[in-house]
Amino acid sequence: MNVLPSGEQWTIRGGGYEATVVSVGGGLRGLTYDGRPVLLGYGEDEAAHAGIGQHLFPWPNRITDGKYTFEGVAQQLYLTEPARQNAIHGLTRWANWLRVDDGSDPAALVVGNRLHGQPGYLHQLDLRLDYRLDDGLTVTATATNVGADNAPYGYGAHPYLSVGRAIDECVLEFTASDRLEVSADRMQPIGLTPVADSPYDFSTGRLIGSTSIDHAFTGLDGAWSVSLTDPDSGARSVLTSDTPWMQLFTGEAVGRTALAVEPMTCPPDAFITGQDLVVLKPGESHTTSFAVAV
């Protein structure tokens, strides 16, 4: 028996959209509308790379040195970004997820995973991802603390918006008040700086050109959206959410063919700083969602 690199494959269809979800990481291997890409995907015979379609539990982005203290106890995570000596993008991207719905709805599916305690994160969480197609794709992420102790928690996702052409030739539009400055060598947070009138101000929509972005943004005023538009064809892909943070990445790791738009419930180093960190008490759940549409 040959096992695919991304595990089991499940396809849902609805409203002109088609999405493929995989068991490795519960990730999203692709999303199209009437056959054109809305999100960057990867092949059935490939493993996920550059974070494409992955979900980031129980923290998004990076934890510098993988070290943090929670409720008076120092913890050391495995350094999963060894070149920068950071712990990156949580613990479940490569775990096997199971489909837990009955498969009766051709436009929806649910996958789940139990995250057990491990060095650096000694907590037990039940994780759930609900995918639904209608006037677009809505993804809802839920974490429930099934352990006996309080658990620090954050969530992020790593989809790449696509309109089928190089993003340098596309128009980007989003509004945020602040950008998180990071160090060039380790991507370590330095502090917030205003977006207005900076090279990262795309509030009126303009060509991305050669601008390189790999930063977290905040000051999103509740519900927010990021759109990527092909100015010639008019093709447009939009991601919306209400998380307090998002990361934008101009996709150098994928040849600038798509724009990573990463909703995040907290910023980098939240386990260290406590900023916007969720603390799940035993039995408590946290839910967040994002949507993608043309």
C-alpha atoms as a PDB file:
ATOM      1  CA  MET A   1       0.000   0.000   0.000  1.00  0.00           C
ATOM      2  CA  ASN A   2       1.362   3.414  -0.996  1.00  0.00           C
ATOM      3  CA  VAL A   3       0.661   6.195   1.488  1.00  0.00           C
ATOM      4  CA  LEU A   4       0.495   9.708   0.057  1.00  0.00           C
ATOM      5  CA  PRO A   5       2.878  12.273   1.588  1.00  0.00           C
ATOM      6  CA  SER A   6      -0.052  14.360   2.862  1.00  0.00           C
ATOM      7  CA  GLY A   7      -2.066  11.339   3.970  1.00  0.00           C
ATOM      8  CA  GLU A   8      -5.736  10.762   3.275  1.00  0.00           C
ATOM      9  CA  GLN A   9      -7.424  13.114   0.821  1.00  0.00           C
ATOM     10  CA  TRP A  10     -10.986  14.418   1.185  1.00  0.00           C
ATOM     11  CA  THR A  11     -12.612  16.668  -1.428  1.00  0.00           C
ATOM     12  CA  ILE A  12     -15.689  18.812  -0.837  1.00  0.00           C
ATOM     13  CA  ARG A  13     -17.625  20.838  -3.426  1.00  0.00           C
ATOM     14  CA  GLY A  14     -20.196  23.595  -3.228  1.00  0.00           C
ATOM     15  CA  GLY A  15     -21.109  26.969  -4.730  1.00  0.00           C
ATOM     16  CA  GLY A  16     -18.619  26.539  -7.564  1.00  0.00           C
ATOM     17  CA  TYR A  17     -15.769  25.892  -5.130  1.00  0.00           C
ATOM     18  CA  GLU A  18     -13.717  22.739  -4.638  1.00  0.00           C
ATOM     19  CA  ALA A  19     -11.438  22.170  -1.639  1.00  0.00           C
ATOM     20  CA  THR A  20      -9.168  19.274  -0.756  1.00  0.00           C
ATOM     21  CA  VAL A  21      -8.389  18.596   2.905  1.00  0.00           C
ATOM     22  CA  VAL A  22      -5.679  16.153   3.994  1.00  0.00           C
ATOM     23  CA  SER A  23      -5.095  14.095   7.107  1.00  0.00           C
ATOM     24  CA  VAL A  24      -1.532  15.339   7.653  1.00  0.00           C
ATOM     25  CA  GLY A  25      -2.023  18.409   9.827  1.00  0.00           C
ATOM     26  CA  GLY A  26      -5.705  18.569   8.872  1.00  0.00           C
ATOM     27  CA  GLY A  27      -4.413  20.926   6.207  1.00  0.00           C
ATOM     28  CA  LEU A  28      -5.942  22.466   3.103  1.00  0.00           C
ATOM     29  CA  ARG A  29      -4.203  21.135  -0.021  1.00  0.00           C
ATOM     30  CA  GLY A  30      -6.014  23.431  -2.407  1.00  0.00           C
ATOM     31  CA  LEU A  31      -9.057  25.630  -3.094  1.00  0.00           C
ATOM     32  CA  THR A  32     -10.415  26.512  -6.541  1.00  0.00           C
ATOM     33  CA  TYR A  33     -13.427  28.360  -7.916  1.00  0.00           C
ATOM     34  CA  ASP A  34     -14.692  27.265 -11.330  1.00  0.00           C
ATOM     35  CA  GLY A  35     -11.302  25.665 -11.841  1.00  0.00           C
ATOM     36  CA  ARG A  36      -9.107  28.669 -11.055  1.00  0.00           C
ATOM     37  CA  PRO A  37      -6.950  28.796  -7.931  1.00  0.00           C
ATOM     38  CA  VAL A  38      -8.203  30.847  -5.003  1.00  0.00           C
ATOM     39  CA  LEU A  39      -5.536  29.503  -2.652  1.00  0.00           C
ATOM     40  CA  LEU A  40      -2.139  28.126  -3.619  1.00  0.00           C
ATOM     41  CA  GLY A  41      -2.132  24.346  -3.481  1.00  0.00           C
ATOM     42  CA  TYR A  42       0.315  21.506  -3.892  1.00  0.00           C
ATOM     43  CA  GLY A  43       0.249  18.149  -5.622  1.00  0.00           C
ATOM     44  CA  GLU A  44      -1.232  14.944  -4.309  1.00  0.00           C
ATOM     45  CA  ASP A  45       2.218  13.360  -4.584  1.00  0.00           C
ATOM     46  CA  GLU A  46       3.866  16.163  -2.549  1.00  0.00           C
ATOM     47  CA  ALA A  47       4.200  16.939   1.127  1.00  0.00           C
ATOM     48  CA  ALA A  48       3.106  20.370   2.346  1.00  0.00           C
ATOM     49  CA  HIS A  49       5.914  22.892   1.988  1.00  0.00           C
ATOM     50  CA  ALA A  50       6.381  26.554   2.922  1.00  0.00           C
ATOM     51  CA  GLY A  51       3.440  26.135   5.307  1.00  0.00           C
ATOM     52  CA  ILE A  52       0.902  25.866   2.456  1.00  0.00           C
ATOM     53  CA  GLY A  53      -2.570  25.356   3.915  1.00  0.00           C
ATOM     54  CA  GLN A  54      -1.327  24.343   7.348  1.00  0.00           C
ATOM     55  CA  HIS A  55      -2.913  25.079  10.745  1.00  0.00           C
ATOM     56  CA  LEU A  56      -0.852  26.343  13.654  1.00  0.00           C
ATOM     57  CA  PHE A  57      -1.881  24.883  17.031  1.00  0.00           C
ATOM     58  CA  PRO A  58      -1.267  25.710  19.902  1.00  0.00           C
ATOM     59  CA  TRP A  59       0.675  28.798  18.839  1.00  0.00           C
ATOM     60  CA  PRO A  60       1.215  30.635  15.561  1.00  0.00           C
ATOM     61  CA  ASN A  61       4.465  32.124  14.325  1.00  0.00           C
ATOM     62  CA  ARG A  62       7.602  31.926  16.480  1.00  0.00           C
ATOM     63  CA  ILE A  63       8.699  31.577  20.098  1.00  0.00           C
ATOM     64  CA  THR A  64      12.238  32.924  20.449  1.00  0.00           C
ATOM     65  CA  ASP A  65      14.642  30.249  21.740  1.00  0.00           C
ATOM     66  CA  GLY A  66      11.578  28.050  22.381  1.00  0.00           C
ATOM     67  CA  LYS A  67      11.678  29.237  26.009  1.00  0.00           C
ATOM     68  CA  TYR A  68       8.790  30.614  28.035  1.00  0.00           C
ATOM     69  CA  THR A  69       7.431  30.578  31.582  1.00  0.00           C
ATOM     70  CA  PHE A  70       3.791  29.788  32.250  1.00  0.00           C
ATOM     71  CA  GLU A  71       2.277  30.033  35.731  1.00  0.00           C
ATOM     72  CA  GLY A  72       5.728  30.097  37.275  1.00  0.00           C
ATOM     73  CA  VAL A  73       7.097  27.032  35.475  1.00  0.00           C
ATOM     74  CA  ALA A  74       9.878  27.421  32.888  1.00  0.00           C
ATOM     75  CA  GLN A  75       9.429  25.414  29.687  1.00  0.00           C
ATOM     76  CA  GLN A  76      11.710  24.538  26.772  1.00  0.00           C
ATOM     77  CA  LEU A  77      10.174  23.604  23.412  1.00  0.00           C
ATOM     78  CA  TYR A  78      11.952  21.752  20.640  1.00  0.00           C
ATOM     79  CA  LEU A  79      13.614  24.214  18.238  1.00  0.00           C
ATOM     80  CA  THR A  80      11.746  23.463  15.035  1.00  0.00           C
ATOM     81  CA  GLU A  81      13.348  26.390  13.214  1.00  0.00           C
ATOM     82  CA  PRO A  82      16.967  25.492  14.056  1.00  0.00           C
ATOM     83  CA  ALA A  83      18.587  28.030  11.723  1.00  0.00           C
ATOM     84  CA  ARG A  84      17.021  30.824  13.797  1.00  0.00           C
ATOM     85  CA  GLN A  85      16.856  28.904  17.090  1.00  0.00           C
ATOM     86  CA  ASN A  86      13.101  29.298  17.372  1.00  0.00           C
ATOM     87  CA  ALA A  87      10.077  27.092  17.966  1.00  0.00           C
ATOM     88  CA  ILE A  88       7.774  27.759  15.022  1.00  0.00           C
ATOM     89  CA  HIS A  89       4.119  27.241  14.097  1.00  0.00           C
ATOM     90  CA  GLY A  90       2.990  24.946  16.871  1.00  0.00           C
ATOM     91  CA  LEU A  91       2.916  21.176  17.260  1.00  0.00           C
ATOM     92  CA  THR A  92       0.292  19.668  14.935  1.00  0.00           C
ATOM     93  CA  ARG A  93       1.330  20.499  11.371  1.00  0.00           C
ATOM     94  CA  TRP A  94       2.661  16.964  10.800  1.00  0.00           C
ATOM     95  CA  ALA A  95       0.315  15.040  13.089  1.00  0.00           C
ATOM     96  CA  ASN A  96      -2.292  12.677  11.669  1.00  0.00           C
ATOM     97  CA  TRP A  97      -5.832  14.049  11.857  1.00  0.00           C
ATOM     98  CA  LEU A  98      -9.004  11.973  11.551  1.00  0.00           C
ATOM     99  CA  ARG A  99     -12.213  12.777   9.754  1.00  0.00           C
ATOM    100  CA  VAL A 100     -14.924  12.865  12.412  1.00  0.00           C
ATOM    101  CA  ASP A 101     -18.100  13.809  10.518  1.00  0.00           C
ATOM    102  CA  ASP A 102     -20.379  11.269   8.799  1.00  0.00           C
ATOM    103  CA  GLY A 103     -19.576  12.433   5.265  1.00  0.00           C
ATOM    104  CA  SER A 104     -23.225  13.100   4.422  1.00  0.00           C
ATOM    105  CA  ASP A 105     -22.713  16.745   3.373  1.00  0.00           C
ATOM    106  CA  PRO A 106     -20.769  17.030   0.091  1.00  0.00           C
ATOM    107  CA  ALA A 107     -19.880  20.663   0.869  1.00  0.00           C
ATOM    108  CA  ALA A 108     -18.525  20.187   4.396  1.00  0.00           C
ATOM    109  CA  LEU A 109     -16.258  18.057   6.536  1.00  0.00           C
ATOM    110  CA  VAL A 110     -14.787  18.000  10.033  1.00  0.00           C
ATOM    111  CA  VAL A 111     -11.390  16.698  11.143  1.00  0.00           C
ATOM    112  CA  GLY A 112     -10.075  16.280  14.671  1.00  0.00           C
ATOM    113  CA  ASN A 113      -6.872  15.656  16.579  1.00  0.00           C
ATOM    114  CA  ARG A 114      -5.978  15.100  20.231  1.00  0.00           C
ATOM    115  CA  LEU A 115      -2.804  16.955  21.138  1.00  0.00           C
ATOM    116  CA  HIS A 116      -1.105  15.171  24.024  1.00  0.00           C
ATOM    117  CA  GLY A 117       1.401  16.754  26.356  1.00  0.00           C
ATOM    118  CA  GLN A 118       5.043  16.745  25.317  1.00  0.00           C
ATOM    119  CA  PRO A 119       8.280  18.425  26.390  1.00  0.00           C
ATOM    120  CA  GLY A 120       7.724  22.157  26.588  1.00  0.00           C
ATOM    121  CA  TYR A 121       3.934  21.906  26.335  1.00  0.00           C
ATOM    122  CA  LEU A 122       2.525  19.607  28.998  1.00  0.00           C
ATOM    123  CA  HIS A 123      -1.151  20.017  28.125  1.00  0.00           C
ATOM    124  CA  GLN A 124      -3.892  18.020  26.447  1.00  0.00           C
ATOM    125  CA  LEU A 125      -6.130  19.655  23.866  1.00  0.00           C
ATOM    126  CA  ASP A 126      -8.896  18.320  21.647  1.00  0.00           C
ATOM    127  CA  LEU A 127      -8.648  20.133  18.325  1.00  0.00           C
ATOM    128  CA  ARG A 128     -11.304  20.422  15.631  1.00  0.00           C
ATOM    129  CA  LEU A 129     -11.377  21.978  12.165  1.00  0.00           C
ATOM    130  CA  ASP A 130     -14.701  22.550  10.417  1.00  0.00           C
ATOM    131  CA  TYR A 131     -14.565  23.190   6.661  1.00  0.00           C
ATOM    132  CA  ARG A 132     -17.680  24.416   4.829  1.00  0.00           C
ATOM    133  CA  LEU A 133     -18.244  25.609   1.258  1.00  0.00           C
ATOM    134  CA  ASP A 134     -21.041  27.990   0.299  1.00  0.00           C
ATOM    135  CA  ASP A 135     -20.332  31.485  -0.990  1.00  0.00           C
ATOM    136  CA  GLY A 136     -16.706  30.660  -0.312  1.00  0.00           C
ATOM    137  CA  LEU A 137     -14.810  28.518   2.171  1.00  0.00           C
ATOM    138  CA  THR A 138     -15.226  29.022   5.901  1.00  0.00           C
ATOM    139  CA  VAL A 139     -12.751  27.330   8.240  1.00  0.00           C
ATOM    140  CA  THR A 140     -13.548  27.183  11.953  1.00  0.00           C
ATOM    141  CA  ALA A 141     -10.865  26.117  14.426  1.00  0.00           C
ATOM    142  CA  THR A 142     -11.778  24.974  17.942  1.00  0.00           C
ATOM    143  CA  ALA A 143      -9.543  23.907  20.823  1.00  0.00           C
ATOM    144  CA  THR A 144     -10.838  22.385  24.065  1.00  0.00           C
ATOM    145  CA  ASN A 145      -8.665  21.866  27.116  1.00  0.00           C
ATOM    146  CA  VAL A 146      -9.254  18.242  28.136  1.00  0.00           C
ATOM    147  CA  GLY A 147      -6.393  18.226  30.640  1.00  0.00           C
ATOM    148  CA  ALA A 148      -6.281  18.977  34.338  1.00  0.00           C
ATOM    149  CA  ASP A 149      -4.326  22.270  34.204  1.00  0.00           C
ATOM    150  CA  ASN A 150      -4.599  25.680  32.578  1.00  0.00           C
ATOM    151  CA  ALA A 151      -3.105  25.728  29.078  1.00  0.00           C
ATOM    152  CA  PRO A 152      -1.609  28.645  27.114  1.00  0.00           C
ATOM    153  CA  TYR A 153      -3.072  28.750  23.641  1.00  0.00           C
ATOM    154  CA  GLY A 154      -2.990  30.527  20.316  1.00  0.00           C
ATOM    155  CA  TYR A 155      -4.053  29.655  16.785  1.00  0.00           C
ATOM    156  CA  GLY A 156      -3.018  30.639  13.314  1.00  0.00           C
ATOM    157  CA  ALA A 157      -3.480  29.422   9.753  1.00  0.00           C
ATOM    158  CA  HIS A 158      -1.153  29.585   6.739  1.00  0.00           C
ATOM    159  CA  PRO A 159      -3.165  29.875   3.492  1.00  0.00           C
ATOM    160  CA  TYR A 160      -1.702  31.598   0.433  1.00  0.00           C
ATOM    161  CA  LEU A 161      -4.066  33.780  -1.619  1.00  0.00           C
ATOM    162  CA  SER A 162      -3.691  33.242  -5.362  1.00  0.00           C
ATOM    163  CA  VAL A 163      -5.136  34.681  -8.566  1.00  0.00           C
ATOM    164  CA  GLY A 164      -2.978  32.526 -10.809  1.00  0.00           C
ATOM    165  CA  ARG A 165      -0.177  34.971 -11.568  1.00  0.00           C
ATOM    166  CA  ALA A 166       2.939  36.379  -9.889  1.00  0.00           C
ATOM    167  CA  ILE A 167       1.985  38.605  -6.981  1.00  0.00           C
ATOM    168  CA  ASP A 168       4.418  41.334  -8.112  1.00  0.00           C
ATOM    169  CA  GLU A 169       1.861  42.050 -10.854  1.00  0.00           C
ATOM    170  CA  CYS A 170      -1.132  42.035  -8.495  1.00  0.00           C
ATOM    171  CA  VAL A 171      -2.913  44.686  -6.444  1.00  0.00           C
ATOM    172  CA  LEU A 172      -2.897  44.188  -2.673  1.00  0.00           C
ATOM    173  CA  GLU A 173      -5.378  45.905  -0.363  1.00  0.00           C
ATOM    174  CA  PHE A 174      -5.694  45.748   3.424  1.00  0.00           C
ATOM    175  CA  THR A 175      -5.922  48.127   6.374  1.00  0.00           C
ATOM    176  CA  ALA A 176      -3.922  47.889   9.612  1.00  0.00           C
ATOM    177  CA  SER A 177      -2.641  50.544  11.964  1.00  0.00           C
ATOM    178  CA  ASP A 178       0.581  48.879  13.132  1.00  0.00           C
ATOM    179  CA  ARG A 179       3.279  46.521  11.904  1.00  0.00           C
ATOM    180  CA  LEU A 180       5.500  44.430  14.159  1.00  0.00           C
ATOM    181  CA  GLU A 181       9.181  45.113  13.497  1.00  0.00           C
ATOM    182  CA  VAL A 182      11.395  42.037  13.774  1.00  0.00           C
ATOM    183  CA  SER A 183      15.124  41.433  13.680  1.00  0.00           C
ATOM    184  CA  ALA A 184      16.572  40.478  10.305  1.00  0.00           C
ATOM    185  CA  ASP A 185      18.531  37.496  11.586  1.00  0.00           C
ATOM    186  CA  ARG A 186      16.042  35.694  13.857  1.00  0.00           C
ATOM    187  CA  MET A 187      12.657  37.327  13.156  1.00  0.00           C
ATOM    188  CA  GLN A 188      12.591  38.299  16.841  1.00  0.00           C
ATOM    189  CA  PRO A 189       9.947  40.920  17.742  1.00  0.00           C
ATOM    190  CA  ILE A 190      11.303  44.436  18.327  1.00  0.00           C
ATOM    191  CA  GLY A 191       8.226  46.638  18.573  1.00  0.00           C
ATOM    192  CA  LEU A 192       5.259  48.146  16.756  1.00  0.00           C
ATOM    193  CA  THR A 193       5.579  50.836  14.111  1.00  0.00           C
ATOM    194  CA  PRO A 194       2.804  52.720  12.263  1.00  0.00           C
ATOM    195  CA  VAL A 195       1.750  51.412   8.856  1.00  0.00           C
ATOM    196  CA  ALA A 196       0.390  54.705   7.503  1.00  0.00           C
ATOM    197  CA  ASP A 197       2.599  56.355   4.868  1.00  0.00           C
ATOM    198  CA  SER A 198       5.103  53.489   5.045  1.00  0.00           C
ATOM    199  CA  PRO A 199       6.069  51.061   2.255  1.00  0.00           C
ATOM    200  CA  TYR A 200       3.602  48.640   3.878  1.00  0.00           C
ATOM    201  CA  ASP A 201       0.590  50.930   3.514  1.00  0.00           C
ATOM    202  CA  PHE A 202      -1.794  49.227   1.095  1.00  0.00           C
ATOM    203  CA  SER A 203      -4.964  50.806   2.487  1.00  0.00           C
ATOM    204  CA  THR A 204      -5.984  52.190  -0.907  1.00  0.00           C
ATOM    205  CA  GLY A 205      -4.869  49.176  -2.926  1.00  0.00           C
ATOM    206  CA  ARG A 206      -1.788  49.224  -5.150  1.00  0.00           C
ATOM    207  CA  LEU A 207       0.591  46.942  -6.984  1.00  0.00           C
ATOM    208  CA  ILE A 208       2.852  44.876  -4.769  1.00  0.00           C
ATOM    209  CA  GLY A 209       5.765  45.231  -7.174  1.00  0.00           C
ATOM    210  CA  SER A 210       9.062  44.293  -5.555  1.00  0.00           C
ATOM    211  CA  THR A 211       7.891  44.966  -1.968  1.00  0.00           C
ATOM    212  CA  SER A 212       8.955  42.169   0.366  1.00  0.00           C
ATOM    213  CA  ILE A 213       6.707  41.519   3.370  1.00  0.00           C
ATOM    214  CA  ASP A 214       7.096  39.027   6.202  1.00  0.00           C
ATOM    215  CA  HIS A 215       5.533  40.844   9.152  1.00  0.00           C
ATOM    216  CA  ALA A 216       2.687  40.639  11.626  1.00  0.00           C
ATOM    217  CA  PHE A 217       0.074  43.407  11.527  1.00  0.00           C
ATOM    218  CA  THR A 218      -2.425  44.547  14.145  1.00  0.00           C
ATOM    219  CA  GLY A 219      -4.854  47.399  14.717  1.00  0.00           C
ATOM    220  CA  LEU A 220      -7.270  45.628  12.375  1.00  0.00           C
ATOM    221  CA  ASP A 221     -10.475  47.075  13.894  1.00  0.00           C
ATOM    222  CA  GLY A 222     -12.446  43.872  14.329  1.00  0.00           C
ATOM    223  CA  ALA A 223     -13.465  42.175  11.096  1.00  0.00           C
ATOM    224  CA  TRP A 224     -10.757  42.637   8.475  1.00  0.00           C
ATOM    225  CA  SER A 225     -10.031  41.558   4.926  1.00  0.00           C
ATOM    226  CA  VAL A 226      -7.039  41.178   2.632  1.00  0.00           C
ATOM    227  CA  SER A 227      -7.602  41.109  -1.116  1.00  0.00           C
ATOM    228  CA  LEU A 228      -5.326  40.156  -4.006  1.00  0.00           C
ATOM    229  CA  THR A 229      -6.432  41.242  -7.488  1.00  0.00           C
ATOM    230  CA  ASP A 230      -5.198  40.602 -11.006  1.00  0.00           C
ATOM    231  CA  PRO A 231      -5.575  44.081 -12.564  1.00  0.00           C
ATOM    232  CA  ASP A 232      -5.845  42.661 -16.088  1.00  0.00           C
ATOM    233  CA  SER A 233      -8.394  39.868 -15.678  1.00  0.00           C
ATOM    234  CA  GLY A 234     -10.133  41.271 -12.599  1.00  0.00           C
ATOM    235  CA  ALA A 235      -9.727  37.945 -10.786  1.00  0.00           C
ATOM    236  CA  ARG A 236      -9.789  38.635  -7.062  1.00  0.00           C
ATOM    237  CA  SER A 237      -9.268  36.461  -3.985  1.00  0.00           C
ATOM    238  CA  VAL A 238     -10.188  37.705  -0.509  1.00  0.00           C
ATOM    239  CA  LEU A 239      -9.520  36.389   2.984  1.00  0.00           C
ATOM    240  CA  THR A 240     -11.539  37.705   5.932  1.00  0.00           C
ATOM    241  CA  SER A 241     -11.319  37.116   9.665  1.00  0.00           C
ATOM    242  CA  ASP A 242     -11.681  38.902  12.989  1.00  0.00           C
ATOM    243  CA  THR A 243      -8.458  37.830  14.700  1.00  0.00           C
ATOM    244  CA  PRO A 244      -6.493  40.661  16.359  1.00  0.00           C
ATOM    245  CA  TRP A 245      -3.377  39.822  14.354  1.00  0.00           C
ATOM    246  CA  MET A 246      -2.398  38.634  10.902  1.00  0.00           C
ATOM    247  CA  GLN A 247       0.895  37.840   9.220  1.00  0.00           C
ATOM    248  CA  LEU A 248       1.532  38.717   5.579  1.00  0.00           C
ATOM    249  CA  PHE A 249       4.311  36.997   3.639  1.00  0.00           C
ATOM    250  CA  THR A 250       5.068  37.726   0.002  1.00  0.00           C
ATOM    251  CA  GLY A 251       5.863  34.098  -0.612  1.00  0.00           C
ATOM    252  CA  GLU A 252       9.542  34.152  -1.483  1.00  0.00           C
ATOM    253  CA  ALA A 253       9.546  30.473  -0.422  1.00  0.00           C
ATOM    254  CA  VAL A 254       7.101  29.713  -3.257  1.00  0.00           C
ATOM    255  CA  GLY A 255       8.630  32.032  -5.865  1.00  0.00           C
ATOM    256  CA  ARG A 256       6.280  34.948  -5.077  1.00  0.00           C
ATOM    257  CA  THR A 257       3.473  33.080  -6.830  1.00  0.00           C
ATOM    258  CA  ALA A 258       1.007  33.667  -3.980  1.00  0.00           C
ATOM    259  CA  LEU A 259       0.550  35.806  -0.867  1.00  0.00           C
ATOM    260  CA  ALA A 260       0.428  34.153   2.556  1.00  0.00           C
ATOM    261  CA  VAL A 261      -2.328  35.728   4.664  1.00  0.00           C
ATOM    262  CA  GLU A 262      -2.165  34.231   8.142  1.00  0.00           C
ATOM    263  CA  PRO A 263      -4.913  35.050  10.661  1.00  0.00           C
ATOM    264  CA  MET A 264      -3.453  34.809  14.175  1.00  0.00           C
ATOM    265  CA  THR A 265      -5.063  35.064  17.596  1.00  0.00           C
ATOM    266  CA  CYS A 266      -1.807  36.344  19.086  1.00  0.00           C
ATOM    267  CA  PRO A 267       1.546  37.758  17.910  1.00  0.00           C
ATOM    268  CA  PRO A 268       4.958  36.096  17.814  1.00  0.00           C
ATOM    269  CA  ASP A 269       6.395  35.395  21.287  1.00  0.00           C
ATOM    270  CA  ALA A 270       2.941  35.522  22.919  1.00  0.00           C
ATOM    271  CA  PHE A 271       3.919  32.590  25.164  1.00  0.00           C
ATOM    272  CA  ILE A 272       6.751  34.811  26.431  1.00  0.00           C
ATOM    273  CA  THR A 273       4.994  38.193  26.621  1.00  0.00           C
ATOM    274  CA  GLY A 274       1.434  37.068  27.315  1.00  0.00           C
ATOM    275  CA  GLN A 275       0.145  39.531  24.711  1.00  0.00           C
ATOM    276  CA  ASP A 276      -3.296  38.409  23.477  1.00  0.00           C
ATOM    277  CA  LEU A 277      -2.527  34.933  24.812  1.00  0.00           C
ATOM    278  CA  VAL A 278      -5.556  32.728  25.485  1.00  0.00           C
ATOM    279  CA  VAL A 279      -5.447  30.745  28.729  1.00  0.00           C
ATOM    280  CA  LEU A 280      -7.752  27.749  28.504  1.00  0.00           C
ATOM    281  CA  LYS A 281      -8.977  26.463  31.850  1.00  0.00           C
ATOM    282  CA  PRO A 282      -9.821  22.750  32.098  1.00  0.00           C
ATOM    283  CA  GLY A 283     -12.963  22.120  30.082  1.00  0.00           C
ATOM    284  CA  GLU A 284     -12.873  25.495  28.319  1.00  0.00           C
ATOM    285  CA  SER A 285     -12.933  25.909  24.531  1.00  0.00           C
ATOM    286  CA  HIS A 286     -11.776  28.603  22.141  1.00  0.00           C
ATOM    287  CA  THR A 287     -13.115  29.061  18.612  1.00  0.00           C
ATOM    288  CA  THR A 288     -12.017  31.284  15.758  1.00  0.00           C
ATOM    289  CA  SER A 289     -12.620  31.275  12.021  1.00  0.00           C
ATOM    290  CA  PHE A 290     -11.601  32.717   8.692  1.00  0.00           C
ATOM    291  CA  ALA A 291     -13.160  32.706   5.233  1.00  0.00           C
ATOM    292  CA  VAL A 292     -11.823  32.759   1.691  1.00  0.00           C
ATOM    293  CA  ALA A 293     -13.791  33.704  -1.411  1.00  0.00           C
ATOM    294  CA  VAL A 294     -13.575  35.178  -4.889  1.00  0.00           C
END
